[in-house]
C-alpha atoms as a PDB file:
ATOM      1  CA  MET A   1      10.719   0.884  13.159  1.00  0.00           C
ATOM      2  CA  ASP A   2      11.577  -1.131  10.028  1.00  0.00           C
ATOM      3  CA  VAL A   3       8.487  -2.113   7.982  1.00  0.00           C
ATOM      4  CA  ILE A   4       8.814  -5.114   6.041  1.00  0.00           C
ATOM      5  CA  PHE A   5       5.564  -5.875   4.804  1.00  0.00           C
ATOM      6  CA  GLU A   6       2.323  -3.791   4.403  1.00  0.00           C
ATOM      7  CA  LYS A   7      -0.631  -4.678   2.334  1.00  0.00           C
ATOM      8  CA  GLN A   8      -4.433  -4.954   2.149  1.00  0.00           C
ATOM      9  CA  ILE A   9      -5.467  -8.748   2.351  1.00  0.00           C
ATOM     10  CA  PRO A  10      -9.027 -10.190   1.943  1.00  0.00           C
ATOM     11  CA  THR A  11      -9.860 -11.299   5.374  1.00  0.00           C
ATOM     12  CA  TRP A  12     -12.910 -13.253   6.838  1.00  0.00           C
ATOM     13  CA  ILE A  13     -14.021 -11.492  10.060  1.00  0.00           C
ATOM     14  CA  GLU A  14     -16.073 -13.250  12.524  1.00  0.00           C
ATOM     15  CA  GLU A  15     -17.729 -11.262  15.370  1.00  0.00           C
ATOM     16  CA  PRO A  16     -20.034 -12.393  18.067  1.00  0.00           C
ATOM     17  CA  SER A  17     -22.782  -9.680  17.197  1.00  0.00           C
ATOM     18  CA  CYS A  18     -22.922 -10.242  13.393  1.00  0.00           C
ATOM     19  CA  ASN A  19     -22.497 -12.692  10.599  1.00  0.00           C
ATOM     20  CA  LYS A  20     -19.175 -13.721   9.111  1.00  0.00           C
ATOM     21  CA  CYS A  21     -18.149 -11.283   6.441  1.00  0.00           C
ATOM     22  CA  ARG A  22     -15.120 -10.569   4.054  1.00  0.00           C
ATOM     23  CA  GLN A  23     -13.240  -7.265   4.106  1.00  0.00           C
ATOM     24  CA  GLN A  24      -9.922  -5.843   3.014  1.00  0.00           C
ATOM     25  CA  LEU A  25      -7.807  -5.473   6.116  1.00  0.00           C
ATOM     26  CA  THR A  26      -4.315  -3.785   6.194  1.00  0.00           C
ATOM     27  CA  LEU A  27      -1.689  -6.140   7.547  1.00  0.00           C
ATOM     28  CA  CYS A  28       1.484  -4.292   8.657  1.00  0.00           C
ATOM     29  CA  ILE A  29       4.714  -6.378   9.761  1.00  0.00           C
ATOM     30  CA  SER A  30       7.538  -4.440  11.201  1.00  0.00           C
ATOM     31  CA  TYR A  31      10.815  -4.667  13.561  1.00  0.00           C
ATOM     32  CA  ASN A  32      11.686  -2.570  16.513  1.00  0.00           C
ATOM     33  CA  THR A  33      15.222  -1.785  16.126  1.00  0.00           C
ATOM     34  CA  ASN A  34      17.699  -0.644  19.062  1.00  0.00           C
ATOM     35  CA  SER A  35      20.139   2.362  18.847  1.00  0.00           C
ATOM     36  CA  SER A  36      22.650   0.130  16.824  1.00  0.00           C
ATOM     37  CA  GLY A  37      20.041  -0.602  14.257  1.00  0.00           C
ATOM     38  CA  GLN A  38      19.686  -4.349  15.146  1.00  0.00           C
ATOM     39  CA  ARG A  39      16.138  -5.922  14.854  1.00  0.00           C
ATOM     40  CA  LYS A  40      14.471  -6.973  17.990  1.00  0.00           C
ATOM     41  CA  ASP A  41      10.812  -7.507  18.632  1.00  0.00           C
ATOM     42  CA  LEU A  42       8.505  -8.424  15.659  1.00  0.00           C
ATOM     43  CA  ASN A  43       5.296  -6.220  15.356  1.00  0.00           C
ATOM     44  CA  ILE A  44       2.177  -7.295  13.629  1.00  0.00           C
ATOM     45  CA  ARG A  45      -0.767  -4.799  13.150  1.00  0.00           C
ATOM     46  CA  VAL A  46      -4.188  -5.338  11.648  1.00  0.00           C
ATOM     47  CA  THR A  47      -6.351  -2.358  10.707  1.00  0.00           C
ATOM     48  CA  ASN A  48      -9.484  -1.759   8.628  1.00  0.00           C
ATOM     49  CA  PRO A  49      -9.070   1.157   6.046  1.00  0.00           C
ATOM     50  CA  GLU A  50     -12.905   1.685   6.356  1.00  0.00           C
ATOM     51  CA  ASN A  51     -12.826   1.869  10.221  1.00  0.00           C
ATOM     52  CA  ALA A  52      -9.968   3.984  11.659  1.00  0.00           C
ATOM     53  CA  PHE A  53     -10.851   2.732  15.290  1.00  0.00           C
ATOM     54  CA  MET A  54     -10.234  -1.006  14.531  1.00  0.00           C
ATOM     55  CA  LEU A  55      -6.705  -1.923  15.334  1.00  0.00           C
ATOM     56  CA  TYR A  56      -5.243  -5.129  16.630  1.00  0.00           C
ATOM     57  CA  SER A  57      -1.558  -5.594  17.449  1.00  0.00           C
ATOM     58  CA  LEU A  58       0.842  -8.193  18.546  1.00  0.00           C
ATOM     59  CA  LYS A  59       4.607  -7.649  19.631  1.00  0.00           C
ATOM     60  CA  LEU A  60       6.451 -10.894  19.371  1.00  0.00           C
ATOM     61  CA  ASN A  61      10.054 -11.410  20.696  1.00  0.00           C
ATOM     62  CA  GLU A  62      12.165 -14.584  20.327  1.00  0.00           C
ATOM     63  CA  ASP A  63      11.299 -16.186  23.702  1.00  0.00           C
ATOM     64  CA  GLU A  64       7.662 -15.564  22.978  1.00  0.00           C
ATOM     65  CA  TYR A  65       8.000 -16.910  19.522  1.00  0.00           C
ATOM     66  CA  HIS A  66       9.523 -20.216  21.062  1.00  0.00           C
ATOM     67  CA  ASN A  67       6.460 -20.668  23.191  1.00  0.00           C
ATOM     68  CA  LEU A  68       4.325 -20.185  20.169  1.00  0.00           C
ATOM     69  CA  LYS A  69       6.399 -22.531  18.074  1.00  0.00           C
ATOM     70  CA  THR A  70       6.089 -25.358  20.855  1.00  0.00           C
ATOM     71  CA  GLN A  71       2.203 -24.861  21.215  1.00  0.00           C
ATOM     72  CA  GLN A  72       1.397 -25.010  17.496  1.00  0.00           C
ATOM     73  CA  GLY A  73       4.148 -27.294  16.198  1.00  0.00           C
ATOM     74  CA  LEU A  74       5.888 -24.698  13.938  1.00  0.00           C
ATOM     75  CA  LEU A  75       9.134 -25.980  12.193  1.00  0.00           C
ATOM     76  CA  ILE A  76      11.059 -22.669  11.700  1.00  0.00           C
ATOM     77  CA  ASP A  77      12.929 -20.514  13.875  1.00  0.00           C
ATOM     78  CA  PHE A  78      12.237 -16.979  14.834  1.00  0.00           C
ATOM     79  CA  PRO A  79      14.614 -15.293  12.121  1.00  0.00           C
ATOM     80  CA  SER A  80      12.679 -17.361   9.389  1.00  0.00           C
ATOM     81  CA  PHE A  81       9.091 -16.767  10.723  1.00  0.00           C
ATOM     82  CA  PRO A  82       8.545 -13.427   9.272  1.00  0.00           C
ATOM     83  CA  SER A  83       9.388 -14.300   5.740  1.00  0.00           C
ATOM     84  CA  MET A  84       7.402 -17.504   5.916  1.00  0.00           C
ATOM     85  CA  PHE A  85       4.421 -15.674   7.344  1.00  0.00           C
ATOM     86  CA  ILE A  86       4.535 -13.145   4.514  1.00  0.00           C
ATOM     87  CA  GLU A  87       4.629 -15.829   2.115  1.00  0.00           C
ATOM     88  CA  ARG A  88       1.313 -17.064   3.540  1.00  0.00           C
ATOM     89  CA  LEU A  89      -0.119 -13.652   3.583  1.00  0.00           C
ATOM     90  CA  LYS A  90       0.594 -13.396  -0.183  1.00  0.00           C
ATOM     91  CA  ALA A  91      -0.990 -16.728  -0.802  1.00  0.00           C
ATOM     92  CA  CYS A  92      -4.133 -15.306   0.948  1.00  0.00           C
ATOM     93  CA  GLU A  93      -4.050 -12.144  -1.172  1.00  0.00           C
ATOM     94  CA  SER A  94      -3.646 -13.949  -4.679  1.00  0.00           C
ATOM     95  CA  GLY A  95      -6.536 -16.568  -3.840  1.00  0.00           C
ATOM     96  CA  GLU A  96      -4.473 -18.834  -6.283  1.00  0.00           C
ATOM     97  CA  GLU A  97      -3.587 -21.146  -3.459  1.00  0.00           C
ATOM     98  CA  LYS A  98      -6.279 -22.582  -0.915  1.00  0.00           C
ATOM     99  CA  PHE A  99      -5.176 -20.255   1.886  1.00  0.00           C
ATOM    100  CA  GLU A 100      -7.514 -17.740   3.779  1.00  0.00           C
ATOM    101  CA  LEU A 101      -6.999 -15.183   6.406  1.00  0.00           C
ATOM    102  CA  HIS A 102      -9.466 -15.090   9.301  1.00  0.00           C
ATOM    103  CA  LEU A 103      -9.915 -12.823  12.125  1.00  0.00           C
ATOM    104  CA  ILE A 104     -11.930 -13.899  14.941  1.00  0.00           C
ATOM    105  CA  VAL A 105     -13.029 -10.918  17.103  1.00  0.00           C
ATOM    106  CA  GLN A 106     -13.362 -11.436  20.765  1.00  0.00           C
ATOM    107  CA  HIS A 107     -14.126  -8.830  23.574  1.00  0.00           C
ATOM    108  CA  SER A 108     -10.699  -7.512  24.130  1.00  0.00           C
ATOM    109  CA  SER A 109      -8.741  -9.366  21.642  1.00  0.00           C
ATOM    110  CA  ALA A 110      -8.824 -11.017  18.290  1.00  0.00           C
ATOM    111  CA  VAL A 111      -7.335 -14.233  16.855  1.00  0.00           C
ATOM    112  CA  LEU A 112      -5.637 -13.848  13.417  1.00  0.00           C
ATOM    113  CA  GLN A 113      -5.527 -17.378  11.645  1.00  0.00           C
ATOM    114  CA  VAL A 114      -3.869 -18.453   8.334  1.00  0.00           C
ATOM    115  CA  VAL A 115      -6.264 -21.094   7.199  1.00  0.00           C
ATOM    116  CA  GLU A 116      -5.683 -23.807   4.309  1.00  0.00           C
ATOM    117  CA  VAL A 117      -8.922 -24.854   2.896  1.00  0.00           C
ATOM    118  CA  ASN A 118      -9.516 -28.251   1.291  1.00  0.00           C
ATOM    119  CA  PRO A 119     -12.435 -30.605   0.544  1.00  0.00           C
ATOM    120  CA  PHE A 120     -11.837 -32.600   3.737  1.00  0.00           C
ATOM    121  CA  LYS A 121     -11.300 -29.847   6.416  1.00  0.00           C
ATOM    122  CA  HIS A 122     -10.127 -26.407   7.233  1.00  0.00           C
ATOM    123  CA  LEU A 123      -6.368 -26.628   8.614  1.00  0.00           C
ATOM    124  CA  VAL A 124      -5.093 -23.675  10.585  1.00  0.00           C
ATOM    125  CA  HIS A 125      -1.542 -23.173   9.858  1.00  0.00           C
ATOM    126  CA  LEU A 126      -0.921 -20.380  12.242  1.00  0.00           C
ATOM    127  CA  SER A 127      -3.039 -18.886  15.008  1.00  0.00           C
ATOM    128  CA  LEU A 128      -1.881 -15.344  16.601  1.00  0.00           C
ATOM    129  CA  THR A 129      -3.720 -13.885  19.427  1.00  0.00           C
ATOM    130  CA  MET A 130      -3.699 -10.075  19.049  1.00  0.00           C
ATOM    131  CA  SER A 131      -4.759  -7.333  21.635  1.00  0.00           C
ATOM    132  CA  CYS A 132      -7.055  -4.640  20.953  1.00  0.00           C
ATOM    133  CA  ALA A 133      -5.660  -1.252  21.009  1.00  0.00           C
ATOM    134  CA  THR A 134      -5.966   1.218  23.793  1.00  0.00           C
ATOM    135  CA  ASP A 135      -7.231   4.671  23.239  1.00  0.00           C
ATOM    136  CA  SER A 136      -3.688   6.138  23.543  1.00  0.00           C
ATOM    137  CA  VAL A 137      -2.353   3.715  20.900  1.00  0.00           C
ATOM    138  CA  ILE A 138      -5.411   4.473  18.520  1.00  0.00           C
ATOM    139  CA  LYS A 139      -4.782   8.178  18.977  1.00  0.00           C
ATOM    140  CA  THR A 140      -1.206   7.681  17.928  1.00  0.00           C
ATOM    141  CA  TYR A 141      -2.154   5.424  14.913  1.00  0.00           C
ATOM    142  CA  LEU A 142      -4.613   8.181  13.849  1.00  0.00           C
ATOM    143  CA  ALA A 143      -1.915  10.846  14.115  1.00  0.00           C
ATOM    144  CA  GLU A 144       0.332   8.656  11.943  1.00  0.00           C
ATOM    145  CA  CYS A 145      -2.385   8.201   9.424  1.00  0.00           C
ATOM    146  CA  LEU A 146      -2.940  12.128   9.397  1.00  0.00           C
ATOM    147  CA  ARG A 147       0.740  12.635   8.907  1.00  0.00           C
ATOM    148  CA  ASP A 148       0.841  10.190   6.163  1.00  0.00           C
ATOM    149  CA  LEU A 149      -2.139  11.808   4.453  1.00  0.00           C
ATOM    150  CA  GLN A 150      -0.554  15.167   4.714  1.00  0.00           C
ATOM    151  CA  THR A 151       2.676  14.044   3.234  1.00  0.00           C
ATOM    152  CA  ARG A 152       0.752  12.198   0.470  1.00  0.00           C
ATOM    153  CA  TYR A 153      -1.096  15.460  -0.230  1.00  0.00           C
ATOM    154  CA  GLN A 154       2.038  17.459  -0.372  1.00  0.00           C
ATOM    155  CA  CYS A 155       3.718  15.148  -2.725  1.00  0.00           C
ATOM    156  CA  LEU A 156       0.489  15.177  -4.998  1.00  0.00           C
ATOM    157  CA  GLN A 157       0.450  18.826  -4.812  1.00  0.00           C
ATOM    158  CA  GLU A 158       4.143  19.055  -5.764  1.00  0.00           C
ATOM    159  CA  LYS A 159       3.594  16.818  -8.628  1.00  0.00           C
ATOM    160  CA  ALA A 160       0.488  18.766  -9.852  1.00  0.00           C
ATOM    161  CA  GLU A 161       2.423  22.022  -9.739  1.00  0.00           C
ATOM    162  CA  SER A 162       5.444  20.463 -11.689  1.00  0.00           C
ATOM    163  CA  GLU A 163       2.941  19.000 -14.384  1.00  0.00           C
ATOM    164  CA  MET A 164       1.213  22.298 -14.621  1.00  0.00           C
ATOM    165  CA  LYS A 165       4.638  24.082 -14.987  1.00  0.00           C
ATOM    166  CA  LEU A 166       5.767  21.613 -17.679  1.00  0.00           C
ATOM    167  CA  SER A 167       2.450  21.813 -19.559  1.00  0.00           C
ATOM    168  CA  SER A 168       2.714  25.528 -19.519  1.00  0.00           C
ATOM    169  CA  GLU A 169       6.258  25.437 -20.966  1.00  0.00           C
ATOM    170  CA  LYS A 170       5.082  22.922 -23.747  1.00  0.00           C
ATOM    171  CA  ILE A 171       2.171  25.359 -24.611  1.00  0.00           C
ATOM    172  CA  THR A 172       4.492  28.423 -24.736  1.00  0.00           C
ATOM    173  CA  SER A 173       6.802  26.291 -26.935  1.00  0.00           C
ATOM    174  CA  LEU A 174       3.950  25.295 -29.197  1.00  0.00           C
ATOM    175  CA  GLU A 175       2.627  28.808 -29.577  1.00  0.00           C
ATOM    176  CA  GLU A 176       6.274  29.923 -30.472  1.00  0.00           C
ATOM    177  CA  SER A 177       6.461  27.219 -33.066  1.00  0.00           C
ATOM    178  CA  LEU A 178       3.006  28.029 -34.497  1.00  0.00           C
ATOM    179  CA  ILE A 179       4.015  31.713 -34.769  1.00  0.00           C
ATOM    180  CA  GLN A 180       7.194  30.743 -36.597  1.00  0.00           C
ATOM    181  CA  LEU A 181       5.241  28.397 -38.765  1.00  0.00           C
ATOM    182  CA  LYS A 182       2.662  31.223 -39.786  1.00  0.00           C
ATOM    183  CA  SER A 183       5.755  33.615 -40.442  1.00  0.00           C
ATOM    184  CA  GLN A 184       7.115  31.013 -42.720  1.00  0.00           C
ATOM    185  CA  ILE A 185       3.839  30.472 -44.475  1.00  0.00           C
ATOM    186  CA  GLN A 186       3.342  34.208 -44.848  1.00  0.00           C
ATOM    187  CA  GLY A 187       6.808  34.486 -46.160  1.00  0.00           C
ATOM    188  CA  SER A 188       6.305  31.746 -48.713  1.00  0.00           C
ATOM    189  CA  GLU A 189       3.010  33.310 -49.895  1.00  0.00           C
ATOM    190  CA  ARG A 190       4.809  36.797 -50.413  1.00  0.00           C
ATOM    191  CA  THR A 191       7.439  35.067 -52.310  1.00  0.00           C
ATOM    192  CA  LYS A 192       4.996  33.255 -54.557  1.00  0.00           C
ATOM    193  CA  GLU A 193       3.129  36.592 -55.313  1.00  0.00           C
ATOM    194  CA  LEU A 194       6.315  38.212 -56.351  1.00  0.00           C
ATOM    195  CA  GLU A 195       7.201  35.438 -58.460  1.00  0.00           C
ATOM    196  CA  ILE A 196       3.722  35.445 -60.065  1.00  0.00           C
ATOM    197  CA  GLY A 197       3.829  39.379 -60.286  1.00  0.00           C
ATOM    198  CA  GLU A 198       7.465  39.192 -62.308  1.00  0.00           C
ATOM    199  CA  ARG A 199       6.169  36.441 -64.552  1.00  0.00           C
ATOM    200  CA  THR A 200       3.104  38.515 -65.389  1.00  0.00           C
ATOM    201  CA  LYS A 201       5.394  41.572 -66.232  1.00  0.00           C
ATOM    202  CA  GLU A 202       7.473  39.337 -68.496  1.00  0.00           C
ATOM    203  CA  LEU A 203       4.223  38.193 -70.387  1.00  0.00           C
END
């Protein structure tokens, strides 16, 4: 799997049982690759960092995209679709442009929409119907999250150990410098005492 985009995007969520609310959802876009490394199906996944059991996904191949393009009047071909979709997601993330991401939750699916908001009306630029994950898919996803957390923990642990070792070496070096400095000061004091003693004898 070749991940080309993964970020948290502020998203308006509409569910039948509750009011419309805005949450940070994670959008992941990736390609399935074959044995020769060629990109094939496009995968779009929506998850909620606050709810590990929320997972919607869509697998899109070139033929399916052609139908989507015809239905929604899209002007770009399948190879250009991911980059244009990512541009719109970044616009939703920044909030600088009048684009919003909406997730309309249904019983066994959800519709992900990129919406342009203007004073006249809301324009839906793209609408993707996504499937709700099965129990086995969610288990696989949770296992991936666990492996990712373990990897991050190990990296943080190794970083902390490296920083502690470096700090210990710096402390040892400072202690050695301090001992040398004290020795130099004591040597200087003894030299001055001898000089003063010699001058006193001369007087």
